[in-house]
Amino acid sequence: MKAFFISGAILFTVIILILAFENLGISASGFLFILIPLEDPFFMVLSVAGIGVLAGVFYTGLITTLLQNHPEDEEDTGSEAL
Protein backbone atom coordinates (compact mmCIF):
# COMPACT_ATOMS: atom_id res chain seq x y z
CA MET A 1 0.00 0.00 0.00
CA LYS A 2 2.91 2.32 0.66
CA ALA A 3 4.02 2.17 -2.98
CA PHE A 4 0.46 2.89 -4.15
CA PHE A 5 0.16 5.99 -1.96
CA ILE A 6 3.66 7.23 -2.81
CA SER A 7 3.10 6.89 -6.56
CA GLY A 8 -0.34 8.51 -6.39
CA ALA A 9 0.92 11.41 -4.30
CA ILE A 10 3.83 12.03 -6.67
CA LEU A 11 1.61 11.79 -9.75
CA PHE A 12 -1.00 14.24 -8.49
CA THR A 13 1.65 16.63 -7.17
CA VAL A 14 3.32 16.73 -10.58
CA ILE A 15 -0.03 17.33 -12.28
CA ILE A 16 -0.76 20.21 -9.90
CA LEU A 17 2.65 21.75 -10.54
CA ILE A 18 2.25 21.48 -14.32
CA LEU A 19 -1.20 23.04 -14.23
CA ALA A 20 -0.25 25.69 -11.69
CA PHE A 21 2.55 27.09 -13.84
CA GLU A 22 0.34 27.49 -16.90
CA ASN A 23 -0.51 31.06 -17.74
CA LEU A 24 -4.00 31.42 -16.27
CA GLY A 25 -3.96 35.15 -16.97
CA ILE A 26 -4.46 34.63 -20.69
CA SER A 27 -7.87 34.72 -22.24
CA ALA A 28 -9.51 31.35 -21.73
CA SER A 29 -11.47 31.57 -24.95
CA GLY A 30 -11.17 28.16 -26.55
CA PHE A 31 -8.45 27.09 -24.11
CA LEU A 32 -7.87 23.34 -23.92
CA PHE A 33 -7.61 22.21 -20.32
CA ILE A 34 -6.80 18.49 -20.08
CA LEU A 35 -8.22 18.05 -23.59
CA ILE A 36 -11.50 19.80 -22.69
CA PRO A 37 -12.22 23.22 -24.23
CA LEU A 38 -13.10 25.76 -21.53
CA GLU A 39 -14.44 29.27 -21.81
CA ASP A 40 -14.10 30.33 -18.17
CA PRO A 41 -10.95 30.12 -16.00
CA PHE A 42 -13.16 29.40 -12.96
CA PHE A 43 -13.50 25.77 -14.04
CA MET A 44 -9.74 25.49 -14.47
CA VAL A 45 -9.19 26.66 -10.90
CA LEU A 46 -11.97 24.39 -9.67
CA SER A 47 -10.49 21.33 -11.37
CA VAL A 48 -7.01 22.08 -10.01
CA ALA A 49 -8.58 22.28 -6.56
CA GLY A 50 -10.22 18.88 -7.14
CA ILE A 51 -6.89 17.40 -8.16
CA GLY A 52 -5.44 18.93 -4.99
CA VAL A 53 -8.06 17.14 -2.92
CA LEU A 54 -7.08 13.84 -4.54
CA ALA A 55 -3.42 14.55 -3.83
CA GLY A 56 -4.33 15.25 -0.20
CA VAL A 57 -6.11 11.92 0.03
CA PHE A 58 -2.99 10.14 -1.19
CA TYR A 59 -0.75 12.07 1.22
CA THR A 60 -3.09 11.27 4.12
CA GLY A 61 -3.14 7.59 3.19
CA LEU A 62 0.64 7.56 2.95
CA ILE A 63 1.10 9.18 6.36
CA THR A 64 -1.40 6.87 8.06
CA THR A 65 0.23 3.75 6.59
CA LEU A 66 3.67 4.97 7.69
CA LEU A 67 2.49 5.64 11.26
CA GLN A 68 0.62 2.36 11.76
CA ASN A 69 2.33 -0.46 13.63
CA HIS A 70 2.09 -3.70 11.71
CA PRO A 71 2.97 -6.80 13.74
CA GLU A 72 4.32 -8.60 10.66
CA ASP A 73 6.78 -5.77 10.04
CA GLU A 74 8.39 -6.06 13.49
CA GLU A 75 10.86 -8.76 14.48
CA ASP A 76 9.48 -11.80 16.24
CA THR A 77 10.74 -11.42 19.83
CA GLY A 78 8.33 -13.96 21.39
CA SER A 79 10.12 -17.06 20.05
CA GLU A 80 13.35 -16.29 21.93
CA ALA A 81 11.77 -16.60 25.38
CA LEU A 82 11.34 -20.39 25.57
PDB file of N, CA and C in Angstrom:
ATOM      1  N   MET A   1       0.815  -1.199   0.000  1.00  0.00           N
ATOM      2  CA  MET A   1       0.000   0.000   0.000  1.00  0.00           C
ATOM      3  C   MET A   1       0.861   1.266   0.000  1.00  0.00           C
ATOM      4  N   LYS A   2       2.057   1.148   0.599  1.00  0.00           N
ATOM      5  CA  LYS A   2       2.915   2.323   0.658  1.00  0.00           C
ATOM      6  C   LYS A   2       3.310   2.779  -0.739  1.00  0.00           C
ATOM      7  N   ALA A   3       3.624   1.822  -1.611  1.00  0.00           N
ATOM      8  CA  ALA A   3       4.021   2.173  -2.977  1.00  0.00           C
ATOM      9  C   ALA A   3       2.857   2.808  -3.735  1.00  0.00           C
ATOM     10  N   PHE A   4       1.647   2.324  -3.496  1.00  0.00           N
ATOM     11  CA  PHE A   4       0.464   2.890  -4.147  1.00  0.00           C
ATOM     12  C   PHE A   4       0.267   4.349  -3.741  1.00  0.00           C
ATOM     13  N   PHE A   5       0.362   4.617  -2.436  1.00  0.00           N
ATOM     14  CA  PHE A   5       0.165   5.986  -1.956  1.00  0.00           C
ATOM     15  C   PHE A   5       1.302   6.912  -2.377  1.00  0.00           C
ATOM     16  N   ILE A   6       2.532   6.402  -2.386  1.00  0.00           N
ATOM     17  CA  ILE A   6       3.661   7.226  -2.815  1.00  0.00           C
ATOM     18  C   ILE A   6       3.528   7.591  -4.284  1.00  0.00           C
ATOM     19  N   SER A   7       3.207   6.605  -5.122  1.00  0.00           N
ATOM     20  CA  SER A   7       3.102   6.887  -6.558  1.00  0.00           C
ATOM     21  C   SER A   7       1.922   7.810  -6.855  1.00  0.00           C
ATOM     22  N   GLY A   8       0.805   7.625  -6.180  1.00  0.00           N
ATOM     23  CA  GLY A   8      -0.343   8.507  -6.386  1.00  0.00           C
ATOM     24  C   GLY A   8      -0.069   9.925  -5.934  1.00  0.00           C
ATOM     25  N   ALA A   9       0.593  10.075  -4.807  1.00  0.00           N
ATOM     26  CA  ALA A   9       0.922  11.410  -4.302  1.00  0.00           C
ATOM     27  C   ALA A   9       1.883  12.131  -5.238  1.00  0.00           C
ATOM     28  N   ILE A  10       2.885  11.418  -5.735  1.00  0.00           N
ATOM     29  CA  ILE A  10       3.833  12.028  -6.665  1.00  0.00           C
ATOM     30  C   ILE A  10       3.142  12.405  -7.967  1.00  0.00           C
ATOM     31  N   LEU A  11       2.305  11.516  -8.491  1.00  0.00           N
ATOM     32  CA  LEU A  11       1.608  11.785  -9.745  1.00  0.00           C
ATOM     33  C   LEU A  11       0.716  13.023  -9.652  1.00  0.00           C
ATOM     34  N   PHE A  12      -0.101  13.098  -8.617  1.00  0.00           N
ATOM     35  CA  PHE A  12      -1.001  14.240  -8.493  1.00  0.00           C
ATOM     36  C   PHE A  12      -0.257  15.531  -8.158  1.00  0.00           C
ATOM     37  N   THR A  13       0.855  15.439  -7.440  1.00  0.00           N
ATOM     38  CA  THR A  13       1.652  16.633  -7.167  1.00  0.00           C
ATOM     39  C   THR A  13       2.265  17.179  -8.448  1.00  0.00           C
ATOM     40  N   VAL A  14       2.757  16.296  -9.306  1.00  0.00           N
ATOM     41  CA  VAL A  14       3.324  16.731 -10.585  1.00  0.00           C
ATOM     42  C   VAL A  14       2.248  17.347 -11.469  1.00  0.00           C
ATOM     43  N   ILE A  15       1.068  16.760 -11.487  1.00  0.00           N
ATOM     44  CA  ILE A  15      -0.030  17.334 -12.281  1.00  0.00           C
ATOM     45  C   ILE A  15      -0.392  18.722 -11.775  1.00  0.00           C
ATOM     46  N   ILE A  16      -0.447  18.889 -10.462  1.00  0.00           N
ATOM     47  CA  ILE A  16      -0.759  20.207  -9.899  1.00  0.00           C
ATOM     48  C   ILE A  16       0.310  21.218 -10.278  1.00  0.00           C
ATOM     49  N   LEU A  17       1.578  20.821 -10.195  1.00  0.00           N
ATOM     50  CA  LEU A  17       2.651  21.751 -10.542  1.00  0.00           C
ATOM     51  C   LEU A  17       2.623  22.130 -12.017  1.00  0.00           C
ATOM     52  N   ILE A  18       2.336  21.178 -12.884  1.00  0.00           N
ATOM     53  CA  ILE A  18       2.252  21.482 -14.319  1.00  0.00           C
ATOM     54  C   ILE A  18       1.108  22.443 -14.583  1.00  0.00           C
ATOM     55  N   LEU A  19      -0.038  22.187 -13.994  1.00  0.00           N
ATOM     56  CA  LEU A  19      -1.196  23.044 -14.232  1.00  0.00           C
ATOM     57  C   LEU A  19      -1.065  24.392 -13.550  1.00  0.00           C
ATOM     58  N   ALA A  20      -0.378  24.440 -12.428  1.00  0.00           N
ATOM     59  CA  ALA A  20      -0.252  25.694 -11.694  1.00  0.00           C
ATOM     60  C   ALA A  20       0.654  26.682 -12.414  1.00  0.00           C
ATOM     61  N   PHE A  21       1.634  26.184 -13.158  1.00  0.00           N
ATOM     62  CA  PHE A  21       2.550  27.085 -13.836  1.00  0.00           C
ATOM     63  C   PHE A  21       2.103  27.450 -15.249  1.00  0.00           C
ATOM     64  N   GLU A  22       0.901  27.019 -15.644  1.00  0.00           N
ATOM     65  CA  GLU A  22       0.340  27.492 -16.902  1.00  0.00           C
ATOM     66  C   GLU A  22      -0.070  28.948 -16.722  1.00  0.00           C
ATOM     67  N   ASN A  23      -0.147  29.649 -17.802  1.00  0.00           N
ATOM     68  CA  ASN A  23      -0.507  31.059 -17.741  1.00  0.00           C
ATOM     69  C   ASN A  23      -2.028  31.181 -17.666  1.00  0.00           C
ATOM     70  N   LEU A  24      -2.554  31.310 -16.451  1.00  0.00           N
ATOM     71  CA  LEU A  24      -3.999  31.424 -16.275  1.00  0.00           C
ATOM     72  C   LEU A  24      -4.487  32.834 -16.544  1.00  0.00           C
ATOM     73  N   GLY A  25      -3.566  33.782 -16.709  1.00  0.00           N
ATOM     74  CA  GLY A  25      -3.965  35.153 -16.974  1.00  0.00           C
ATOM     75  C   GLY A  25      -4.358  35.409 -18.416  1.00  0.00           C
ATOM     76  N   ILE A  26      -4.095  34.433 -19.295  1.00  0.00           N
ATOM     77  CA  ILE A  26      -4.463  34.635 -20.694  1.00  0.00           C
ATOM     78  C   ILE A  26      -5.967  34.469 -20.849  1.00  0.00           C
ATOM     79  N   SER A  27      -6.451  34.895 -21.959  1.00  0.00           N
ATOM     80  CA  SER A  27      -7.873  34.719 -22.240  1.00  0.00           C
ATOM     81  C   SER A  27      -8.175  33.240 -22.394  1.00  0.00           C
ATOM     82  N   ALA A  28      -9.186  32.769 -21.718  1.00  0.00           N
ATOM     83  CA  ALA A  28      -9.510  31.349 -21.727  1.00  0.00           C
ATOM     84  C   ALA A  28     -10.453  30.991 -22.861  1.00  0.00           C
ATOM     85  N   SER A  29     -10.578  31.827 -23.836  1.00  0.00           N
ATOM     86  CA  SER A  29     -11.469  31.565 -24.954  1.00  0.00           C
ATOM     87  C   SER A  29     -10.910  30.424 -25.796  1.00  0.00           C
ATOM     88  N   GLY A  30     -11.588  29.314 -25.776  1.00  0.00           N
ATOM     89  CA  GLY A  30     -11.168  28.159 -26.550  1.00  0.00           C
ATOM     90  C   GLY A  30      -9.939  27.479 -25.995  1.00  0.00           C
ATOM     91  N   PHE A  31      -9.637  27.671 -24.738  1.00  0.00           N
ATOM     92  CA  PHE A  31      -8.454  27.094 -24.105  1.00  0.00           C
ATOM     93  C   PHE A  31      -8.703  25.614 -23.836  1.00  0.00           C
ATOM     94  N   LEU A  32      -7.743  24.775 -24.185  1.00  0.00           N
ATOM     95  CA  LEU A  32      -7.871  23.342 -23.924  1.00  0.00           C
ATOM     96  C   LEU A  32      -7.254  23.030 -22.571  1.00  0.00           C
ATOM     97  N   PHE A  33      -8.060  22.570 -21.665  1.00  0.00           N
ATOM     98  CA  PHE A  33      -7.611  22.205 -20.318  1.00  0.00           C
ATOM     99  C   PHE A  33      -7.830  20.714 -20.146  1.00  0.00           C
ATOM    100  N   ILE A  34      -6.754  19.946 -20.140  1.00  0.00           N
ATOM    101  CA  ILE A  34      -6.800  18.489 -20.080  1.00  0.00           C
ATOM    102  C   ILE A  34      -7.743  17.970 -21.172  1.00  0.00           C
ATOM    103  N   LEU A  35      -7.519  18.441 -22.378  1.00  0.00           N
ATOM    104  CA  LEU A  35      -8.225  18.045 -23.594  1.00  0.00           C
ATOM    105  C   LEU A  35      -9.711  18.402 -23.584  1.00  0.00           C
ATOM    106  N   ILE A  36     -10.117  19.347 -22.739  1.00  0.00           N
ATOM    107  CA  ILE A  36     -11.505  19.804 -22.695  1.00  0.00           C
ATOM    108  C   ILE A  36     -11.496  21.308 -22.951  1.00  0.00           C
ATOM    109  N   PRO A  37     -12.199  21.764 -23.989  1.00  0.00           N
ATOM    110  CA  PRO A  37     -12.222  23.219 -24.227  1.00  0.00           C
ATOM    111  C   PRO A  37     -13.031  23.946 -23.150  1.00  0.00           C
ATOM    112  N   LEU A  38     -12.439  24.986 -22.581  1.00  0.00           N
ATOM    113  CA  LEU A  38     -13.101  25.757 -21.534  1.00  0.00           C
ATOM    114  C   LEU A  38     -13.201  27.212 -21.947  1.00  0.00           C
ATOM    115  N   GLU A  39     -14.245  27.854 -21.523  1.00  0.00           N
ATOM    116  CA  GLU A  39     -14.444  29.271 -21.813  1.00  0.00           C
ATOM    117  C   GLU A  39     -14.190  30.146 -20.591  1.00  0.00           C
ATOM    118  N   ASP A  40     -14.204  29.556 -19.404  1.00  0.00           N
ATOM    119  CA  ASP A  40     -14.105  30.333 -18.173  1.00  0.00           C
ATOM    120  C   ASP A  40     -12.962  29.786 -17.314  1.00  0.00           C
ATOM    121  N   PRO A  41     -12.058  30.638 -16.829  1.00  0.00           N
ATOM    122  CA  PRO A  41     -10.954  30.123 -15.996  1.00  0.00           C
ATOM    123  C   PRO A  41     -11.407  29.607 -14.636  1.00  0.00           C
ATOM    124  N   PHE A  42     -12.653  29.890 -14.234  1.00  0.00           N
ATOM    125  CA  PHE A  42     -13.156  29.395 -12.955  1.00  0.00           C
ATOM    126  C   PHE A  42     -13.122  27.872 -12.912  1.00  0.00           C
ATOM    127  N   PHE A  43     -13.487  27.225 -14.017  1.00  0.00           N
ATOM    128  CA  PHE A  43     -13.505  25.775 -14.036  1.00  0.00           C
ATOM    129  C   PHE A  43     -12.098  25.191 -14.038  1.00  0.00           C
ATOM    130  N   MET A  44     -11.125  25.932 -14.555  1.00  0.00           N
ATOM    131  CA  MET A  44      -9.739  25.487 -14.473  1.00  0.00           C
ATOM    132  C   MET A  44      -9.273  25.491 -13.019  1.00  0.00           C
ATOM    133  N   VAL A  45      -9.575  26.563 -12.318  1.00  0.00           N
ATOM    134  CA  VAL A  45      -9.185  26.658 -10.904  1.00  0.00           C
ATOM    135  C   VAL A  45      -9.924  25.614 -10.080  1.00  0.00           C
ATOM    136  N   LEU A  46     -11.191  25.382 -10.384  1.00  0.00           N
ATOM    137  CA  LEU A  46     -11.975  24.386  -9.669  1.00  0.00           C
ATOM    138  C   LEU A  46     -11.433  22.976  -9.898  1.00  0.00           C
ATOM    139  N   SER A  47     -11.019  22.668 -11.108  1.00  0.00           N
ATOM    140  CA  SER A  47     -10.492  21.333 -11.375  1.00  0.00           C
ATOM    141  C   SER A  47      -9.115  21.136 -10.744  1.00  0.00           C
ATOM    142  N   VAL A  48      -8.297  22.185 -10.703  1.00  0.00           N
ATOM    143  CA  VAL A  48      -7.007  22.078 -10.011  1.00  0.00           C
ATOM    144  C   VAL A  48      -7.242  21.862  -8.523  1.00  0.00           C
ATOM    145  N   ALA A  49      -8.250  22.500  -7.967  1.00  0.00           N
ATOM    146  CA  ALA A  49      -8.580  22.281  -6.559  1.00  0.00           C
ATOM    147  C   ALA A  49      -9.043  20.844  -6.331  1.00  0.00           C
ATOM    148  N   GLY A  50      -9.801  20.284  -7.256  1.00  0.00           N
ATOM    149  CA  GLY A  50     -10.218  18.883  -7.144  1.00  0.00           C
ATOM    150  C   GLY A  50      -9.046  17.927  -7.210  1.00  0.00           C
ATOM    151  N   ILE A  51      -8.094  18.225  -8.087  1.00  0.00           N
ATOM    152  CA  ILE A  51      -6.888  17.404  -8.162  1.00  0.00           C
ATOM    153  C   ILE A  51      -6.089  17.541  -6.869  1.00  0.00           C
ATOM    154  N   GLY A  52      -6.107  18.719  -6.270  1.00  0.00           N
ATOM    155  CA  GLY A  52      -5.438  18.928  -4.986  1.00  0.00           C
ATOM    156  C   GLY A  52      -6.066  18.114  -3.873  1.00  0.00           C
ATOM    157  N   VAL A  53      -7.374  17.976  -3.911  1.00  0.00           N
ATOM    158  CA  VAL A  53      -8.060  17.141  -2.922  1.00  0.00           C
ATOM    159  C   VAL A  53      -7.622  15.688  -3.073  1.00  0.00           C
ATOM    160  N   LEU A  54      -7.535  15.207  -4.310  1.00  0.00           N
ATOM    161  CA  LEU A  54      -7.079  13.836  -4.538  1.00  0.00           C
ATOM    162  C   LEU A  54      -5.631  13.644  -4.080  1.00  0.00           C
ATOM    163  N   ALA A  55      -4.800  14.634  -4.309  1.00  0.00           N
ATOM    164  CA  ALA A  55      -3.418  14.554  -3.830  1.00  0.00           C
ATOM    165  C   ALA A  55      -3.385  14.508  -2.303  1.00  0.00           C
ATOM    166  N   GLY A  56      -4.238  15.272  -1.660  1.00  0.00           N
ATOM    167  CA  GLY A  56      -4.326  15.252  -0.204  1.00  0.00           C
ATOM    168  C   GLY A  56      -4.772  13.909   0.330  1.00  0.00           C
ATOM    169  N   VAL A  57      -5.671  13.252  -0.377  1.00  0.00           N
ATOM    170  CA  VAL A  57      -6.108  11.917   0.031  1.00  0.00           C
ATOM    171  C   VAL A  57      -4.941  10.940  -0.021  1.00  0.00           C
ATOM    172  N   PHE A  58      -4.147  11.024  -1.082  1.00  0.00           N
ATOM    173  CA  PHE A  58      -2.993  10.139  -1.186  1.00  0.00           C
ATOM    174  C   PHE A  58      -1.949  10.440  -0.119  1.00  0.00           C
ATOM    175  N   TYR A  59      -1.703  11.722   0.166  1.00  0.00           N
ATOM    176  CA  TYR A  59      -0.749  12.066   1.224  1.00  0.00           C
ATOM    177  C   TYR A  59      -1.241  11.603   2.588  1.00  0.00           C
ATOM    178  N   THR A  60      -2.537  11.738   2.854  1.00  0.00           N
ATOM    179  CA  THR A  60      -3.088  11.274   4.124  1.00  0.00           C
ATOM    180  C   THR A  60      -2.983   9.763   4.254  1.00  0.00           C
ATOM    181  N   GLY A  61      -3.282   9.046   3.177  1.00  0.00           N
ATOM    182  CA  GLY A  61      -3.138   7.594   3.192  1.00  0.00           C
ATOM    183  C   GLY A  61      -1.705   7.167   3.396  1.00  0.00           C
ATOM    184  N   LEU A  62      -0.771   7.882   2.784  1.00  0.00           N
ATOM    185  CA  LEU A  62       0.642   7.556   2.952  1.00  0.00           C
ATOM    186  C   LEU A  62       1.091   7.776   4.390  1.00  0.00           C
ATOM    187  N   ILE A  63       0.695   8.884   4.972  1.00  0.00           N
ATOM    188  CA  ILE A  63       1.104   9.180   6.356  1.00  0.00           C
ATOM    189  C   ILE A  63       0.488   8.183   7.333  1.00  0.00           C
ATOM    190  N   THR A  64      -0.774   7.825   7.142  1.00  0.00           N
ATOM    191  CA  THR A  64      -1.400   6.867   8.063  1.00  0.00           C
ATOM    192  C   THR A  64      -0.787   5.482   7.929  1.00  0.00           C
ATOM    193  N   THR A  65      -0.406   5.061   6.713  1.00  0.00           N
ATOM    194  CA  THR A  65       0.234   3.754   6.590  1.00  0.00           C
ATOM    195  C   THR A  65       1.648   3.768   7.159  1.00  0.00           C
ATOM    196  N   LEU A  66       2.331   4.901   7.104  1.00  0.00           N
ATOM    197  CA  LEU A  66       3.669   4.971   7.689  1.00  0.00           C
ATOM    198  C   LEU A  66       3.628   4.984   9.212  1.00  0.00           C
ATOM    199  N   LEU A  67       2.571   5.530   9.799  1.00  0.00           N
ATOM    200  CA  LEU A  67       2.489   5.643  11.256  1.00  0.00           C
ATOM    201  C   LEU A  67       1.840   4.441  11.929  1.00  0.00           C
ATOM    202  N   GLN A  68       1.248   3.538  11.164  1.00  0.00           N
ATOM    203  CA  GLN A  68       0.624   2.364  11.757  1.00  0.00           C
ATOM    204  C   GLN A  68       1.682   1.341  12.123  1.00  0.00           C
ATOM    205  N   ASN A  69       1.446   0.631  13.223  1.00  0.00           N
ATOM    206  CA  ASN A  69       2.328  -0.456  13.632  1.00  0.00           C
ATOM    207  C   ASN A  69       1.759  -1.763  13.109  1.00  0.00           C
ATOM    208  N   HIS A  70       2.503  -2.402  12.235  1.00  0.00           N
ATOM    209  CA  HIS A  70       2.092  -3.698  11.711  1.00  0.00           C
ATOM    210  C   HIS A  70       2.896  -4.784  12.417  1.00  0.00           C
ATOM    211  N   PRO A  71       2.225  -5.762  13.021  1.00  0.00           N
ATOM    212  CA  PRO A  71       2.967  -6.802  13.744  1.00  0.00           C
ATOM    213  C   PRO A  71       3.860  -7.634  12.819  1.00  0.00           C
ATOM    214  N   GLU A  72       3.493  -7.797  11.558  1.00  0.00           N
ATOM    215  CA  GLU A  72       4.321  -8.596  10.664  1.00  0.00           C
ATOM    216  C   GLU A  72       5.582  -7.847  10.221  1.00  0.00           C
ATOM    217  N   ASP A  73       5.611  -6.534  10.388  1.00  0.00           N
ATOM    218  CA  ASP A  73       6.782  -5.767  10.043  1.00  0.00           C
ATOM    219  C   ASP A  73       7.848  -5.805  11.132  1.00  0.00           C
ATOM    220  N   GLU A  74       7.450  -6.051  12.371  1.00  0.00           N
ATOM    221  CA  GLU A  74       8.386  -6.062  13.486  1.00  0.00           C
ATOM    222  C   GLU A  74       9.040  -7.447  13.602  1.00  0.00           C
ATOM    223  N   GLU A  75      10.185  -7.488  14.263  1.00  0.00           N
ATOM    224  CA  GLU A  75      10.863  -8.763  14.475  1.00  0.00           C
ATOM    225  C   GLU A  75      10.101  -9.591  15.497  1.00  0.00           C
ATOM    226  N   ASP A  76      10.167 -10.894  15.326  1.00  0.00           N
ATOM    227  CA  ASP A  76       9.479 -11.804  16.241  1.00  0.00           C
ATOM    228  C   ASP A  76      10.331 -11.988  17.489  1.00  0.00           C
ATOM    229  N   THR A  77       9.970 -11.313  18.578  1.00  0.00           N
ATOM    230  CA  THR A  77      10.745 -11.425  19.827  1.00  0.00           C
ATOM    231  C   THR A  77      10.151 -12.465  20.765  1.00  0.00           C
ATOM    232  N   GLY A  78       8.974 -12.996  20.500  1.00  0.00           N
ATOM    233  CA  GLY A  78       8.331 -13.956  21.386  1.00  0.00           C
ATOM    234  C   GLY A  78       8.930 -15.349  21.295  1.00  0.00           C
ATOM    235  N   SER A  79       9.586 -15.705  20.202  1.00  0.00           N
ATOM    236  CA  SER A  79      10.125 -17.057  20.049  1.00  0.00           C
ATOM    237  C   SER A  79      11.436 -17.248  20.809  1.00  0.00           C
ATOM    238  N   GLU A  80      12.093 -16.173  21.220  1.00  0.00           N
ATOM    239  CA  GLU A  80      13.351 -16.291  21.927  1.00  0.00           C
ATOM    240  C   GLU A  80      13.142 -16.669  23.389  1.00  0.00           C
ATOM    241  N   ALA A  81      12.019 -16.343  23.957  1.00  0.00           N
ATOM    242  CA  ALA A  81      11.767 -16.597  25.379  1.00  0.00           C
ATOM    243  C   ALA A  81      11.109 -17.956  25.539  1.00  0.00           C
ATOM    244  N   LEU A  82      11.893 -19.038  25.394  1.00  0.00           N
ATOM    245  CA  LEU A  82      11.344 -20.390  25.568  1.00  0.00           C
ATOM    246  C   LEU A  82      11.643 -20.932  26.904  1.00  0.00           C
TER     247      LEU A  82
END
